């Protein structure tokens, strides 16, 4: 995969913030483009910041389990082997909550 865009936390949060529907729609369209073309990437730091933001800081926060499920559904087919290890670890942590 040839990555040309590293997605910022704030942009990722906009995709899940239901308080700004127009911004959410535009951001989701951009993500769909990046996923289809394989030209976007997320860092571990961005993922960590993302979960804190959408489960605590946005106007209508998501539960941790809901946030993880939504994110996984959208990006599941683009997660690397290293990302799979992260997913297994994260799922184990969720089961402890």
N, C-alpha and C. Protein backbone atom coordinates (compact mmCIF):
# COMPACT_ATOMS: atom_id res chain seq x y z
N UNK A 1 0.85 -1.18 0.00
CA UNK A 1 0.00 0.00 0.00
C UNK A 1 0.89 1.23 0.00
N UNK A 2 0.61 2.15 -0.86
CA UNK A 2 1.33 3.41 -0.95
C UNK A 2 0.52 4.49 -0.24
N UNK A 3 0.94 4.84 0.97
CA UNK A 3 0.20 5.80 1.78
C UNK A 3 0.68 7.20 1.49
N UNK A 4 -0.27 8.09 1.25
CA UNK A 4 0.11 9.48 1.00
C UNK A 4 -0.54 10.45 1.97
N UNK A 5 -1.47 9.97 2.83
CA UNK A 5 -2.17 10.85 3.76
C UNK A 5 -2.17 10.21 5.16
N UNK A 6 -1.61 10.93 6.13
CA UNK A 6 -1.71 10.52 7.52
C UNK A 6 -2.84 11.32 8.13
N UNK A 7 -3.91 10.64 8.52
CA UNK A 7 -5.12 11.30 9.00
C UNK A 7 -4.91 11.81 10.43
N UNK A 8 -5.27 13.07 10.66
CA UNK A 8 -5.15 13.71 11.96
C UNK A 8 -6.32 13.33 12.87
N UNK A 9 -6.08 13.34 14.16
CA UNK A 9 -7.11 12.99 15.15
C UNK A 9 -8.37 13.83 14.99
N UNK A 10 -8.21 15.14 14.84
CA UNK A 10 -9.39 16.02 14.75
C UNK A 10 -10.26 15.68 13.55
N UNK A 11 -9.65 15.31 12.46
CA UNK A 11 -10.42 14.93 11.27
C UNK A 11 -11.15 13.62 11.53
N UNK A 12 -10.47 12.68 12.16
CA UNK A 12 -11.10 11.40 12.48
C UNK A 12 -12.28 11.59 13.42
N UNK A 13 -12.12 12.45 14.42
CA UNK A 13 -13.21 12.73 15.38
C UNK A 13 -14.40 13.35 14.65
N UNK A 14 -14.15 14.23 13.69
CA UNK A 14 -15.25 14.86 12.93
C UNK A 14 -16.13 13.81 12.25
N UNK A 15 -15.56 12.68 11.88
CA UNK A 15 -16.33 11.63 11.22
C UNK A 15 -17.33 10.96 12.17
N UNK A 16 -17.11 11.10 13.46
CA UNK A 16 -17.97 10.45 14.44
C UNK A 16 -18.74 11.43 15.31
N UNK A 17 -18.58 12.71 15.08
CA UNK A 17 -19.26 13.72 15.89
C UNK A 17 -20.61 14.06 15.27
N UNK A 18 -21.67 13.54 15.87
CA UNK A 18 -23.02 13.73 15.34
C UNK A 18 -23.56 15.14 15.57
N UNK A 19 -22.84 15.96 16.32
CA UNK A 19 -23.29 17.33 16.59
C UNK A 19 -23.07 18.25 15.38
N UNK A 20 -22.25 17.83 14.44
CA UNK A 20 -21.97 18.63 13.23
C UNK A 20 -22.19 17.75 12.01
N UNK A 21 -23.46 17.52 11.63
CA UNK A 21 -23.77 16.54 10.57
C UNK A 21 -23.16 16.85 9.20
N UNK A 22 -23.09 18.12 8.82
CA UNK A 22 -22.51 18.43 7.51
C UNK A 22 -21.01 18.12 7.49
N UNK A 23 -20.32 18.49 8.55
CA UNK A 23 -18.89 18.20 8.65
C UNK A 23 -18.67 16.68 8.69
N UNK A 24 -19.54 15.98 9.41
CA UNK A 24 -19.45 14.54 9.51
C UNK A 24 -19.61 13.90 8.12
N UNK A 25 -20.57 14.36 7.37
CA UNK A 25 -20.83 13.82 6.03
C UNK A 25 -19.62 14.02 5.11
N UNK A 26 -19.04 15.21 5.14
CA UNK A 26 -17.88 15.52 4.30
C UNK A 26 -16.67 14.67 4.70
N UNK A 27 -16.48 14.52 6.00
CA UNK A 27 -15.35 13.75 6.49
C UNK A 27 -15.49 12.28 6.13
N UNK A 28 -16.69 11.73 6.28
CA UNK A 28 -16.92 10.33 5.92
C UNK A 28 -16.68 10.09 4.43
N UNK A 29 -17.07 11.04 3.60
CA UNK A 29 -16.83 10.92 2.16
C UNK A 29 -15.32 10.90 1.88
N UNK A 30 -14.58 11.74 2.58
CA UNK A 30 -13.12 11.77 2.40
C UNK A 30 -12.50 10.45 2.85
N UNK A 31 -12.97 9.91 3.99
CA UNK A 31 -12.45 8.63 4.47
C UNK A 31 -12.76 7.51 3.50
N UNK A 32 -13.96 7.50 2.97
CA UNK A 32 -14.32 6.46 2.00
C UNK A 32 -13.37 6.51 0.80
N UNK A 33 -13.05 7.70 0.35
CA UNK A 33 -12.11 7.86 -0.76
C UNK A 33 -10.73 7.28 -0.39
N UNK A 34 -10.25 7.62 0.81
CA UNK A 34 -8.94 7.14 1.25
C UNK A 34 -8.92 5.62 1.37
N UNK A 35 -9.99 5.05 1.89
CA UNK A 35 -10.06 3.60 2.05
C UNK A 35 -10.09 2.91 0.69
N UNK A 36 -10.94 3.38 -0.20
CA UNK A 36 -11.06 2.78 -1.53
C UNK A 36 -9.74 2.83 -2.29
N UNK A 37 -9.03 3.95 -2.17
CA UNK A 37 -7.78 4.13 -2.91
C UNK A 37 -6.54 3.69 -2.12
N UNK A 38 -6.74 3.26 -0.88
CA UNK A 38 -5.61 2.78 -0.08
C UNK A 38 -4.56 3.84 0.16
N UNK A 39 -4.99 5.09 0.26
CA UNK A 39 -4.01 6.17 0.36
C UNK A 39 -4.00 6.89 1.70
N UNK A 40 -4.64 6.32 2.72
CA UNK A 40 -4.66 6.94 4.04
C UNK A 40 -4.07 6.02 5.09
N UNK A 41 -3.63 6.62 6.19
CA UNK A 41 -3.08 5.84 7.30
C UNK A 41 -3.42 6.50 8.61
N UNK A 42 -3.46 5.70 9.66
CA UNK A 42 -3.70 6.18 11.02
C UNK A 42 -2.56 5.68 11.90
N UNK A 43 -2.05 6.54 12.74
CA UNK A 43 -1.00 6.13 13.68
C UNK A 43 -1.64 5.61 14.97
N UNK A 44 -0.86 4.92 15.76
CA UNK A 44 -1.33 4.42 17.05
C UNK A 44 -1.72 5.59 17.95
N UNK A 45 -0.95 6.67 17.90
CA UNK A 45 -1.26 7.85 18.72
C UNK A 45 -2.61 8.44 18.32
N UNK A 46 -2.87 8.53 17.03
CA UNK A 46 -4.15 9.06 16.55
C UNK A 46 -5.30 8.18 17.03
N UNK A 47 -5.13 6.87 16.96
CA UNK A 47 -6.18 5.96 17.43
C UNK A 47 -6.46 6.15 18.91
N UNK A 48 -5.42 6.30 19.71
CA UNK A 48 -5.61 6.51 21.15
C UNK A 48 -6.33 7.82 21.42
N UNK A 49 -5.89 8.89 20.78
CA UNK A 49 -6.54 10.20 20.95
C UNK A 49 -7.99 10.16 20.48
N UNK A 50 -8.22 9.45 19.38
CA UNK A 50 -9.56 9.30 18.83
C UNK A 50 -10.52 8.68 19.84
N UNK A 51 -10.11 7.59 20.46
CA UNK A 51 -10.99 6.92 21.42
C UNK A 51 -11.30 7.79 22.63
N UNK A 52 -10.31 8.52 23.11
CA UNK A 52 -10.56 9.43 24.23
C UNK A 52 -11.57 10.49 23.81
N UNK A 53 -11.37 11.06 22.64
CA UNK A 53 -12.24 12.15 22.18
C UNK A 53 -13.67 11.71 21.96
N UNK A 54 -13.88 10.59 21.27
CA UNK A 54 -15.27 10.22 20.94
C UNK A 54 -16.00 9.53 22.07
N UNK A 55 -15.28 9.12 23.09
CA UNK A 55 -15.95 8.51 24.23
C UNK A 55 -16.08 9.46 25.42
N UNK A 56 -15.43 10.63 25.33
CA UNK A 56 -15.48 11.56 26.47
C UNK A 56 -15.72 13.02 26.10
N UNK A 57 -15.24 13.46 24.94
CA UNK A 57 -15.17 14.90 24.69
C UNK A 57 -16.18 15.46 23.69
N UNK A 58 -16.75 14.64 22.82
CA UNK A 58 -17.71 15.18 21.86
C UNK A 58 -19.07 15.39 22.52
N UNK A 59 -19.92 16.16 21.86
CA UNK A 59 -21.22 16.53 22.43
C UNK A 59 -22.08 15.31 22.77
N UNK A 60 -22.06 14.30 21.91
CA UNK A 60 -22.82 13.07 22.15
C UNK A 60 -21.80 11.91 22.12
N UNK A 61 -21.16 11.64 23.27
CA UNK A 61 -20.11 10.62 23.28
C UNK A 61 -20.65 9.22 23.05
N UNK A 62 -19.81 8.38 22.46
CA UNK A 62 -20.14 6.98 22.23
C UNK A 62 -19.59 6.14 23.37
N UNK A 63 -20.20 4.99 23.60
CA UNK A 63 -19.61 4.06 24.56
C UNK A 63 -18.31 3.52 23.95
N UNK A 64 -17.42 3.02 24.78
CA UNK A 64 -16.16 2.49 24.27
C UNK A 64 -16.42 1.34 23.30
N UNK A 65 -17.30 0.44 23.66
CA UNK A 65 -17.60 -0.71 22.80
C UNK A 65 -18.21 -0.27 21.47
N UNK A 66 -19.13 0.70 21.51
CA UNK A 66 -19.76 1.20 20.29
C UNK A 66 -18.73 1.90 19.41
N UNK A 67 -17.86 2.69 20.01
CA UNK A 67 -16.83 3.40 19.25
C UNK A 67 -15.92 2.40 18.54
N UNK A 68 -15.50 1.38 19.25
CA UNK A 68 -14.62 0.38 18.67
C UNK A 68 -15.31 -0.37 17.53
N UNK A 69 -16.55 -0.77 17.75
CA UNK A 69 -17.29 -1.52 16.73
C UNK A 69 -17.48 -0.70 15.46
N UNK A 70 -17.86 0.55 15.61
CA UNK A 70 -18.06 1.42 14.43
C UNK A 70 -16.77 1.60 13.65
N UNK A 71 -15.70 1.85 14.38
CA UNK A 71 -14.41 2.06 13.72
C UNK A 71 -13.95 0.78 13.03
N UNK A 72 -14.06 -0.33 13.70
CA UNK A 72 -13.63 -1.60 13.13
C UNK A 72 -14.39 -1.94 11.85
N UNK A 73 -15.71 -1.73 11.86
CA UNK A 73 -16.52 -2.01 10.67
C UNK A 73 -16.07 -1.19 9.46
N UNK A 74 -15.75 0.07 9.69
CA UNK A 74 -15.38 0.95 8.59
C UNK A 74 -14.01 0.61 8.02
N UNK A 75 -13.06 0.22 8.87
CA UNK A 75 -11.68 0.06 8.44
C UNK A 75 -11.15 -1.36 8.54
N UNK A 76 -11.99 -2.32 8.83
CA UNK A 76 -11.55 -3.69 9.08
C UNK A 76 -10.68 -4.26 7.96
N UNK A 77 -11.05 -4.06 6.72
CA UNK A 77 -10.32 -4.67 5.62
C UNK A 77 -8.98 -3.99 5.33
N UNK A 78 -8.68 -2.91 6.03
CA UNK A 78 -7.43 -2.20 5.81
C UNK A 78 -6.48 -2.26 7.00
N UNK A 79 -6.77 -3.13 7.96
CA UNK A 79 -5.92 -3.21 9.14
C UNK A 79 -4.80 -4.22 8.89
N UNK A 80 -3.56 -3.80 9.15
CA UNK A 80 -2.39 -4.64 8.90
C UNK A 80 -2.28 -5.75 9.94
N UNK A 81 -1.30 -6.65 9.74
CA UNK A 81 -1.08 -7.72 10.71
C UNK A 81 -0.76 -7.15 12.09
N UNK A 82 0.04 -6.10 12.13
CA UNK A 82 0.37 -5.48 13.41
C UNK A 82 -0.89 -4.89 14.03
N UNK A 83 -1.76 -4.35 13.19
CA UNK A 83 -3.03 -3.82 13.67
C UNK A 83 -3.92 -4.92 14.24
N UNK A 84 -3.82 -6.14 13.68
CA UNK A 84 -4.62 -7.26 14.19
C UNK A 84 -4.21 -7.58 15.62
N UNK A 85 -2.91 -7.52 15.92
CA UNK A 85 -2.45 -7.75 17.29
C UNK A 85 -3.00 -6.67 18.21
N UNK A 86 -3.02 -5.43 17.73
CA UNK A 86 -3.58 -4.32 18.50
C UNK A 86 -5.07 -4.57 18.76
N UNK A 87 -5.80 -5.02 17.75
CA UNK A 87 -7.24 -5.29 17.90
C UNK A 87 -7.48 -6.34 18.96
N UNK A 88 -6.71 -7.43 18.94
CA UNK A 88 -6.90 -8.50 19.92
C UNK A 88 -6.64 -7.97 21.33
N UNK A 89 -5.60 -7.17 21.48
CA UNK A 89 -5.27 -6.59 22.78
C UNK A 89 -6.38 -5.65 23.23
N UNK A 90 -6.88 -4.83 22.32
CA UNK A 90 -7.92 -3.86 22.65
C UNK A 90 -9.21 -4.58 23.03
N UNK A 91 -9.56 -5.64 22.30
CA UNK A 91 -10.77 -6.41 22.63
C UNK A 91 -10.66 -7.00 24.04
N UNK A 92 -9.48 -7.49 24.39
CA UNK A 92 -9.29 -8.05 25.72
C UNK A 92 -9.50 -6.98 26.79
N UNK A 93 -9.02 -5.77 26.53
CA UNK A 93 -9.20 -4.68 27.47
C UNK A 93 -10.67 -4.30 27.58
N UNK A 94 -11.41 -4.33 26.47
CA UNK A 94 -12.83 -3.99 26.50
C UNK A 94 -13.61 -4.98 27.35
N UNK A 95 -13.21 -6.24 27.29
CA UNK A 95 -13.97 -7.25 28.05
C UNK A 95 -13.79 -7.06 29.56
N UNK A 96 -12.74 -6.35 29.96
CA UNK A 96 -12.51 -6.07 31.38
C UNK A 96 -13.32 -4.89 31.89
N UNK A 97 -13.93 -4.11 31.00
CA UNK A 97 -14.69 -2.91 31.42
C UNK A 97 -16.07 -3.25 31.91
